Protein backbone atom coordinates (compact mmCIF):
# COMPACT_ATOMS: atom_id res chain seq x y z
CA MET A 1 169.43 150.11 159.89
CA ASP A 2 172.24 153.38 159.27
CA GLY A 3 175.73 153.10 160.18
CA LYS A 4 175.97 154.40 163.38
CA SER A 5 173.10 151.94 164.59
CA LEU A 6 175.20 149.06 163.27
CA ILE A 7 178.27 149.98 164.82
CA LEU A 8 176.52 150.43 168.11
CA ALA A 9 174.66 146.99 167.59
CA ALA A 10 178.27 145.21 166.55
CA TYR A 11 179.95 146.89 169.57
CA VAL A 12 177.48 145.65 172.06
CA LEU A 13 177.10 142.50 170.58
CA MET A 14 181.12 141.60 170.62
CA ASN A 15 180.92 142.77 174.45
CA PHE A 16 178.22 140.54 175.24
CA ILE A 17 179.92 137.98 173.53
CA GLY A 18 183.24 138.59 175.55
CA LEU A 19 181.51 138.60 178.77
CA LEU A 20 179.60 134.90 177.96
CA THR A 21 183.15 133.74 176.92
CA MET A 22 184.55 134.42 180.22
CA LYS A 23 182.01 132.84 182.01
CA ALA A 24 181.95 129.73 179.77
CA ASP A 25 185.54 129.55 180.37
CA LYS A 26 185.56 130.05 184.02
CA GLN A 27 183.02 127.34 184.30
CA ARG A 28 185.08 124.82 182.37
CA ALA A 29 187.77 125.60 184.68
CA ILE A 30 185.77 124.97 187.35
CA LYS A 31 184.48 121.39 186.04
CA HIS A 32 188.06 120.61 184.76
CA GLN A 33 186.84 120.31 181.19
CA TYR A 34 188.33 121.34 177.72
CA ARG A 35 189.27 124.95 178.08
CA ILE A 36 189.04 127.92 175.69
CA PRO A 37 192.27 128.99 174.47
CA GLU A 38 193.74 132.05 175.51
CA LYS A 39 194.32 133.10 171.77
CA THR A 40 190.68 133.11 171.35
CA LEU A 41 189.88 135.21 174.65
CA TRP A 42 192.02 137.89 173.11
CA LEU A 43 190.70 137.69 169.59
CA VAL A 44 187.36 138.08 171.16
CA ALA A 45 188.66 141.20 172.91
CA LEU A 46 190.52 142.59 169.80
CA PHE A 47 187.39 142.53 167.80
CA GLY A 48 185.55 144.55 169.87
CA GLY A 49 184.71 142.64 173.23
CA ALA A 50 187.35 144.27 175.39
CA ILE A 51 185.08 145.63 177.79
CA GLY A 52 182.86 142.68 178.16
CA THR A 53 186.17 140.50 178.99
CA SER A 54 187.49 142.77 181.39
CA MET A 55 183.85 142.85 183.02
CA GLY A 56 184.11 139.10 182.92
CA MET A 57 187.32 138.76 184.22
CA GLN A 58 186.35 140.93 187.38
CA MET A 59 183.01 139.47 187.79
CA TYR A 60 183.94 135.92 187.43
CA ARG A 61 187.54 136.11 189.10
CA HIS A 62 188.85 134.54 186.07
CA LYS A 63 192.54 135.28 184.73
CA THR A 64 193.14 137.78 187.43
CA LYS A 65 196.52 136.32 188.37
CA HIS A 66 197.60 136.75 184.64
CA LEU A 67 199.38 139.94 184.63
CA SER A 68 199.00 139.98 180.48
CA PHE A 69 195.17 140.06 180.95
CA MET A 70 194.75 142.26 184.10
CA ILE A 71 196.87 144.81 181.89
CA GLY A 72 195.83 144.01 178.41
CA PHE A 73 191.77 143.85 178.77
CA PRO A 74 191.40 146.86 180.30
CA LEU A 75 193.84 149.00 178.23
CA LEU A 76 192.44 147.33 175.29
CA ALA A 77 189.01 148.60 176.43
CA VAL A 78 189.79 151.67 176.77
CA ILE A 79 191.78 152.10 173.39
CA GLU A 80 188.35 150.36 171.82
CA PHE A 81 186.10 152.75 173.63
CA LEU A 82 188.07 156.08 172.53
CA ALA A 83 187.95 154.31 168.86
CA PHE A 84 184.05 153.79 169.25
CA VAL A 85 183.53 157.41 170.50
CA TYR A 86 185.75 159.06 167.60
CA ILE A 87 183.72 156.97 165.13
CA ASN A 88 180.46 158.07 166.21
CA LEU A 89 181.62 161.34 166.32
CA LYS A 90 182.83 161.14 162.77
CA LEU A 91 179.61 159.61 161.64
CA VAL A 92 177.98 162.57 162.89
């Protein structure tokens, strides 16, 4: 697997993990169970899963009243996407 494919696979995987993490936390919130710490949600987003966490936030209507999530996740998603595009253009 070349570098470009590896970066793409890691990016897709982290965003899928971000989406599933938001879904799991929403389900736990509904069932009044132990929640995934906000720090963990931010770490998943920070390490490449911001698009997935942003999508999960909208799809599952989760953390939508928290201004830091409503602004932070989408902003981080844009930054990560631009970094992803930049890195891929450099690898060409």
